[in-house]
C-alpha atoms as a PDB file:
ATOM      1  CA  MET A   1       0.014   0.058   0.048  1.00  0.00           C
ATOM      2  CA  GLU A   2       2.881   2.344   0.900  1.00  0.00           C
ATOM      3  CA  ASN A   3       4.504   1.496  -2.617  1.00  0.00           C
ATOM      4  CA  SER A   4       1.777   2.872  -4.385  1.00  0.00           C
ATOM      5  CA  GLY A   5       1.502   6.040  -2.379  1.00  0.00           C
ATOM      6  CA  SER A   6       4.924   6.992  -2.760  1.00  0.00           C
ATOM      7  CA  LYS A   7       4.822   6.413  -6.611  1.00  0.00           C
ATOM      8  CA  ASN A   8       2.180   8.914  -6.694  1.00  0.00           C
ATOM      9  CA  MET A   9       4.220  11.451  -4.642  1.00  0.00           C
ATOM     10  CA  GLN A  10       7.438  11.246  -7.031  1.00  0.00           C
ATOM     11  CA  ARG A  11       5.478  12.008 -10.471  1.00  0.00           C
ATOM     12  CA  PRO A  12       6.026  15.723 -11.608  1.00  0.00           C
ATOM     13  CA  PRO A  13       2.909  17.683 -12.610  1.00  0.00           C
ATOM     14  CA  MET A  14       2.018  16.963 -16.247  1.00  0.00           C
ATOM     15  CA  LYS A  15       1.186  20.358 -17.493  1.00  0.00           C
ATOM     16  CA  PRO A  16       4.592  21.952 -17.101  1.00  0.00           C
ATOM     17  CA  TYR A  17       6.277  18.713 -18.386  1.00  0.00           C
ATOM     18  CA  LYS A  18       3.921  19.114 -21.572  1.00  0.00           C
ATOM     19  CA  CYS A  19       4.820  22.807 -21.804  1.00  0.00           C
ATOM     20  CA  LEU A  20       8.874  22.042 -21.820  1.00  0.00           C
ATOM     21  CA  LEU A  21       8.263  19.363 -24.135  1.00  0.00           C
ATOM     22  CA  GLY A  22       6.359  21.487 -26.831  1.00  0.00           C
ATOM     23  CA  THR A  23       9.099  23.940 -26.135  1.00  0.00           C
ATOM     24  CA  GLN A  24      11.747  21.699 -26.881  1.00  0.00           C
ATOM     25  CA  ILE A  25       9.922  20.275 -29.810  1.00  0.00           C
ATOM     26  CA  LEU A  26       9.291  23.821 -31.374  1.00  0.00           C
ATOM     27  CA  LEU A  27      13.128  24.664 -30.734  1.00  0.00           C
ATOM     28  CA  ARG A  28      14.355  21.441 -32.241  1.00  0.00           C
ATOM     29  CA  ILE A  29      12.144  22.133 -35.230  1.00  0.00           C
ATOM     30  CA  LEU A  30      13.626  25.641 -35.696  1.00  0.00           C
ATOM     31  CA  ALA A  31      17.170  24.017 -35.315  1.00  0.00           C
ATOM     32  CA  THR A  32      16.546  21.499 -37.940  1.00  0.00           C
ATOM     33  CA  THR A  33      14.974  24.253 -40.310  1.00  0.00           C
ATOM     34  CA  PHE A  34      17.886  26.494 -39.565  1.00  0.00           C
ATOM     35  CA  THR A  35      20.644  24.141 -40.515  1.00  0.00           C
ATOM     36  CA  LEU A  36      18.986  22.746 -43.491  1.00  0.00           C
ATOM     37  CA  ALA A  37      18.437  26.116 -44.753  1.00  0.00           C
ATOM     38  CA  SER A  38      22.099  27.054 -43.943  1.00  0.00           C
ATOM     39  CA  THR A  39      23.255  23.937 -45.674  1.00  0.00           C
ATOM     40  CA  TRP A  40      21.206  24.345 -48.666  1.00  0.00           C
ATOM     41  CA  ILE A  41      22.453  27.859 -49.130  1.00  0.00           C
ATOM     42  CA  ILE A  42      26.240  27.085 -48.622  1.00  0.00           C
ATOM     43  CA  LEU A  43      26.019  24.258 -51.076  1.00  0.00           C
ATOM     44  CA  THR A  44      24.161  26.174 -53.632  1.00  0.00           C
ATOM     45  CA  SER A  45      26.396  29.368 -53.487  1.00  0.00           C
ATOM     46  CA  LYS A  46      28.325  29.757 -56.732  1.00  0.00           C
ATOM     47  CA  GLN A  47      29.263  32.610 -59.051  1.00  0.00           C
ATOM     48  CA  THR A  48      31.333  32.796 -62.049  1.00  0.00           C
ATOM     49  CA  VAL A  49      32.552  36.422 -63.397  1.00  0.00           C
ATOM     50  CA  THR A  50      34.984  37.486 -65.942  1.00  0.00           C
ATOM     51  CA  ILE A  51      37.465  40.215 -64.865  1.00  0.00           C
ATOM     52  CA  PHE A  52      40.278  41.683 -67.351  1.00  0.00           C
ATOM     53  CA  GLY A  53      39.337  38.544 -69.472  1.00  0.00           C
ATOM     54  CA  LEU A  54      40.215  35.973 -66.694  1.00  0.00           C
ATOM     55  CA  GLU A  55      37.012  33.879 -65.655  1.00  0.00           C
ATOM     56  CA  MET A  56      37.048  33.815 -61.956  1.00  0.00           C
ATOM     57  CA  ASP A  57      35.044  30.820 -60.186  1.00  0.00           C
ATOM     58  CA  ALA A  58      33.608  31.199 -56.480  1.00  0.00           C
ATOM     59  CA  ARG A  59      32.228  27.867 -54.831  1.00  0.00           C
ATOM     60  CA  TYR A  60      32.052  26.940 -51.264  1.00  0.00           C
ATOM     61  CA  SER A  61      34.019  23.605 -52.276  1.00  0.00           C
ATOM     62  CA  TYR A  62      37.175  25.615 -53.036  1.00  0.00           C
ATOM     63  CA  SER A  63      37.787  26.557 -49.436  1.00  0.00           C
ATOM     64  CA  PRO A  64      38.247  23.671 -46.967  1.00  0.00           C
ATOM     65  CA  VAL A  65      36.713  26.073 -44.156  1.00  0.00           C
ATOM     66  CA  PHE A  66      33.581  26.307 -46.054  1.00  0.00           C
ATOM     67  CA  LYS A  67      33.626  22.548 -46.817  1.00  0.00           C
ATOM     68  CA  PHE A  68      33.875  22.258 -42.816  1.00  0.00           C
ATOM     69  CA  PHE A  69      31.210  24.363 -42.438  1.00  0.00           C
ATOM     70  CA  ALA A  70      28.869  22.638 -44.928  1.00  0.00           C
ATOM     71  CA  PHE A  71      29.680  19.287 -43.332  1.00  0.00           C
ATOM     72  CA  ALA A  72      28.939  20.966 -39.721  1.00  0.00           C
ATOM     73  CA  ASN A  73      25.392  22.088 -40.587  1.00  0.00           C
ATOM     74  CA  MET A  74      24.613  18.724 -42.397  1.00  0.00           C
ATOM     75  CA  ILE A  75      25.848  16.810 -39.145  1.00  0.00           C
ATOM     76  CA  GLY A  76      23.714  19.278 -36.976  1.00  0.00           C
ATOM     77  CA  CYS A  77      20.621  18.767 -38.962  1.00  0.00           C
ATOM     78  CA  ALA A  78      20.933  15.451 -39.173  1.00  0.00           C
ATOM     79  CA  PHE A  79      21.147  15.099 -35.306  1.00  0.00           C
ATOM     80  CA  SER A  80      18.378  17.815 -34.823  1.00  0.00           C
ATOM     81  CA  VAL A  81      16.248  15.520 -36.862  1.00  0.00           C
ATOM     82  CA  LEU A  82      17.296  12.807 -34.718  1.00  0.00           C
ATOM     83  CA  SER A  83      16.821  14.446 -31.494  1.00  0.00           C
ATOM     84  CA  LEU A  84      13.502  15.705 -32.642  1.00  0.00           C
ATOM     85  CA  LEU A  85      12.420  12.446 -33.295  1.00  0.00           C
ATOM     86  CA  LEU A  86      13.638  11.083 -29.847  1.00  0.00           C
ATOM     87  CA  ALA A  87      12.221  14.005 -28.067  1.00  0.00           C
ATOM     88  CA  SER A  88       8.823  13.701 -29.727  1.00  0.00           C
ATOM     89  CA  VAL A  89       8.301   9.726 -29.904  1.00  0.00           C
ATOM     90  CA  LEU A  90      10.051   8.843 -26.421  1.00  0.00           C
ATOM     91  CA  GLY A  91       9.027  12.447 -24.542  1.00  0.00           C
ATOM     92  CA  HIS A  92       5.815  11.303 -23.874  1.00  0.00           C
ATOM     93  CA  LYS A  93       6.839   8.227 -22.259  1.00  0.00           C
ATOM     94  CA  VAL A  94       9.773   8.575 -20.227  1.00  0.00           C
ATOM     95  CA  LEU A  95       9.761  11.344 -17.533  1.00  0.00           C
ATOM     96  CA  ASP A  96      13.648  10.280 -16.141  1.00  0.00           C
ATOM     97  CA  PRO A  97      15.810  13.202 -15.687  1.00  0.00           C
ATOM     98  CA  LYS A  98      18.657  11.128 -16.930  1.00  0.00           C
ATOM     99  CA  ASN A  99      17.471  11.637 -20.480  1.00  0.00           C
ATOM    100  CA  TYR A 100      17.763  15.297 -19.884  1.00  0.00           C
ATOM    101  CA  PHE A 101      21.288  14.820 -19.109  1.00  0.00           C
ATOM    102  CA  TYR A 102      21.981  12.874 -22.326  1.00  0.00           C
ATOM    103  CA  MET A 103      20.082  15.544 -24.321  1.00  0.00           C
ATOM    104  CA  PHE A 104      22.173  18.229 -22.563  1.00  0.00           C
ATOM    105  CA  LEU A 105      25.227  16.529 -23.814  1.00  0.00           C
ATOM    106  CA  HIS A 106      23.743  16.079 -27.386  1.00  0.00           C
ATOM    107  CA  ASP A 107      22.798  19.566 -27.537  1.00  0.00           C
ATOM    108  CA  LEU A 108      26.337  20.904 -26.205  1.00  0.00           C
ATOM    109  CA  ILE A 109      28.166  18.776 -28.831  1.00  0.00           C
ATOM    110  CA  VAL A 110      25.980  20.027 -31.500  1.00  0.00           C
ATOM    111  CA  MET A 111      26.330  23.397 -30.637  1.00  0.00           C
ATOM    112  CA  ALA A 112      29.759  23.252 -30.342  1.00  0.00           C
ATOM    113  CA  LEU A 113      30.199  21.882 -33.726  1.00  0.00           C
ATOM    114  CA  LEU A 114      28.135  24.520 -35.316  1.00  0.00           C
ATOM    115  CA  LEU A 115      30.012  27.361 -33.453  1.00  0.00           C
ATOM    116  CA  ALA A 116      33.092  26.129 -34.910  1.00  0.00           C
ATOM    117  CA  GLY A 117      31.917  25.759 -38.491  1.00  0.00           C
ATOM    118  CA  CYS A 118      30.559  29.445 -37.867  1.00  0.00           C
ATOM    119  CA  ALA A 119      33.718  30.909 -36.196  1.00  0.00           C
ATOM    120  CA  ALA A 120      35.850  29.415 -39.121  1.00  0.00           C
ATOM    121  CA  ALA A 121      33.144  30.534 -42.198  1.00  0.00           C
ATOM    122  CA  THR A 122      33.274  34.017 -40.290  1.00  0.00           C
ATOM    123  CA  ALA A 123      37.024  34.420 -40.036  1.00  0.00           C
ATOM    124  CA  VAL A 124      37.224  33.441 -43.741  1.00  0.00           C
ATOM    125  CA  GLY A 125      34.461  35.552 -44.708  1.00  0.00           C
ATOM    126  CA  TYR A 126      35.909  38.539 -43.053  1.00  0.00           C
ATOM    127  CA  VAL A 127      38.964  38.224 -45.174  1.00  0.00           C
ATOM    128  CA  GLY A 128      37.027  37.652 -48.175  1.00  0.00           C
ATOM    129  CA  LYS A 129      35.254  40.819 -47.500  1.00  0.00           C
ATOM    130  CA  TYR A 130      37.977  43.080 -46.276  1.00  0.00           C
ATOM    131  CA  GLY A 131      41.128  41.317 -47.336  1.00  0.00           C
ATOM    132  CA  GLU A 132      44.030  41.215 -45.160  1.00  0.00           C
ATOM    133  CA  MET A 133      46.692  43.906 -46.636  1.00  0.00           C
ATOM    134  CA  HIS A 134      49.678  42.824 -44.201  1.00  0.00           C
ATOM    135  CA  SER A 135      49.531  39.347 -45.845  1.00  0.00           C
ATOM    136  CA  GLY A 136      48.722  40.437 -49.264  1.00  0.00           C
ATOM    137  CA  TRP A 137      45.274  39.087 -49.473  1.00  0.00           C
ATOM    138  CA  MET A 138      43.095  40.971 -51.401  1.00  0.00           C
ATOM    139  CA  PRO A 139      39.102  41.325 -50.812  1.00  0.00           C
ATOM    140  CA  ILE A 140      37.218  39.498 -53.446  1.00  0.00           C
ATOM    141  CA  CYS A 141      33.689  40.108 -52.540  1.00  0.00           C
ATOM    142  CA  ASP A 142      33.995  43.137 -54.480  1.00  0.00           C
ATOM    143  CA  HIS A 143      34.087  40.833 -57.550  1.00  0.00           C
ATOM    144  CA  VAL A 144      31.707  38.077 -56.410  1.00  0.00           C
ATOM    145  CA  PRO A 145      29.209  39.752 -54.431  1.00  0.00           C
ATOM    146  CA  LYS A 146      26.438  37.155 -55.020  1.00  0.00           C
ATOM    147  CA  PHE A 147      28.364  34.302 -53.574  1.00  0.00           C
ATOM    148  CA  CYS A 148      29.400  36.312 -50.502  1.00  0.00           C
ATOM    149  CA  HIS A 149      25.716  37.265 -49.940  1.00  0.00           C
ATOM    150  CA  LYS A 150      24.619  33.845 -50.054  1.00  0.00           C
ATOM    151  CA  VAL A 151      27.635  32.639 -47.696  1.00  0.00           C
ATOM    152  CA  SER A 152      26.748  35.737 -45.297  1.00  0.00           C
ATOM    153  CA  ASN A 153      23.155  34.259 -45.157  1.00  0.00           C
ATOM    154  CA  SER A 154      24.283  30.744 -44.564  1.00  0.00           C
ATOM    155  CA  VAL A 155      26.605  31.901 -41.767  1.00  0.00           C
ATOM    156  CA  ILE A 156      23.530  34.024 -40.204  1.00  0.00           C
ATOM    157  CA  LEU A 157      21.350  31.258 -40.274  1.00  0.00           C
ATOM    158  CA  SER A 158      23.752  28.950 -38.770  1.00  0.00           C
ATOM    159  CA  TYR A 159      24.241  31.095 -35.897  1.00  0.00           C
ATOM    160  CA  PHE A 160      20.672  31.070 -35.086  1.00  0.00           C
ATOM    161  CA  ALA A 161      20.815  27.341 -34.991  1.00  0.00           C
ATOM    162  CA  VAL A 162      23.759  27.820 -32.456  1.00  0.00           C
ATOM    163  CA  ILE A 163      21.694  30.056 -30.217  1.00  0.00           C
ATOM    164  CA  ILE A 164      18.846  27.726 -30.327  1.00  0.00           C
ATOM    165  CA  TYR A 165      21.182  24.906 -29.564  1.00  0.00           C
ATOM    166  CA  LEU A 166      22.257  27.077 -26.547  1.00  0.00           C
ATOM    167  CA  CYS A 167      18.793  27.516 -25.193  1.00  0.00           C
ATOM    168  CA  LEU A 168      18.259  23.661 -25.619  1.00  0.00           C
ATOM    169  CA  ALA A 169      21.430  22.760 -23.765  1.00  0.00           C
ATOM    170  CA  ILE A 170      20.127  25.487 -20.824  1.00  0.00           C
ATOM    171  CA  VAL A 171      16.896  23.782 -20.718  1.00  0.00           C
ATOM    172  CA  SER A 172      18.246  20.122 -20.591  1.00  0.00           C
ATOM    173  CA  ALA A 173      20.690  20.948 -18.109  1.00  0.00           C
ATOM    174  CA  ASN A 174      18.198  22.701 -15.656  1.00  0.00           C
ATOM    175  CA  GLN A 175      16.258  19.497 -16.098  1.00  0.00           C
ATOM    176  CA  SER A 176      18.902  17.346 -15.542  1.00  0.00           C
ATOM    177  CA  ARG A 177      19.627  19.101 -12.183  1.00  0.00           C
ATOM    178  CA  GLN A 178      16.689  16.413 -10.614  1.00  0.00           C
ATOM    179  CA  ILE A 179      18.768  13.732 -11.120  1.00  0.00           C
ATOM    180  CA  GLN A 180      18.568  11.772  -7.880  1.00  0.00           C
ATOM    181  CA  VAL A 181      22.316  10.100  -7.121  1.00  0.00           C
END
């Protein structure tokens, strides 16, 4: 008889839990959307121009940094879809705070990967836009503005995904505090 009473006392209220689950699902949908859009934009960014009779081609695949950025967003998108499926399918059944700790680790790793890609792409984008006169690197965005604009949009969308993953990591860390050791 005491066993059934103690089980009822340990269950958290369902309304805040459903609100939290709905928020997580919404944020994961947004993260998936932003990483997918960022991936699509960077993969389709290319421009060919002719300068002084020379044809200049700008593509994401010519830069290892932009390749890393594209792959980071692809991986982030895939893991966003995976975590969205796990949150929506298992979220209704499992109330264990240990699952929030695992989601915290997941969100933190994806956020770090996306942030590394964004930081690298931002650095190369800055050099592409403004050049580096001490090293002799000339700005190229004056010559291929369409390419630079698409890369900038892709990086901005990816930074939005980083912010969303930061929020998800904070929410998951907060919920994992309830783990009983």
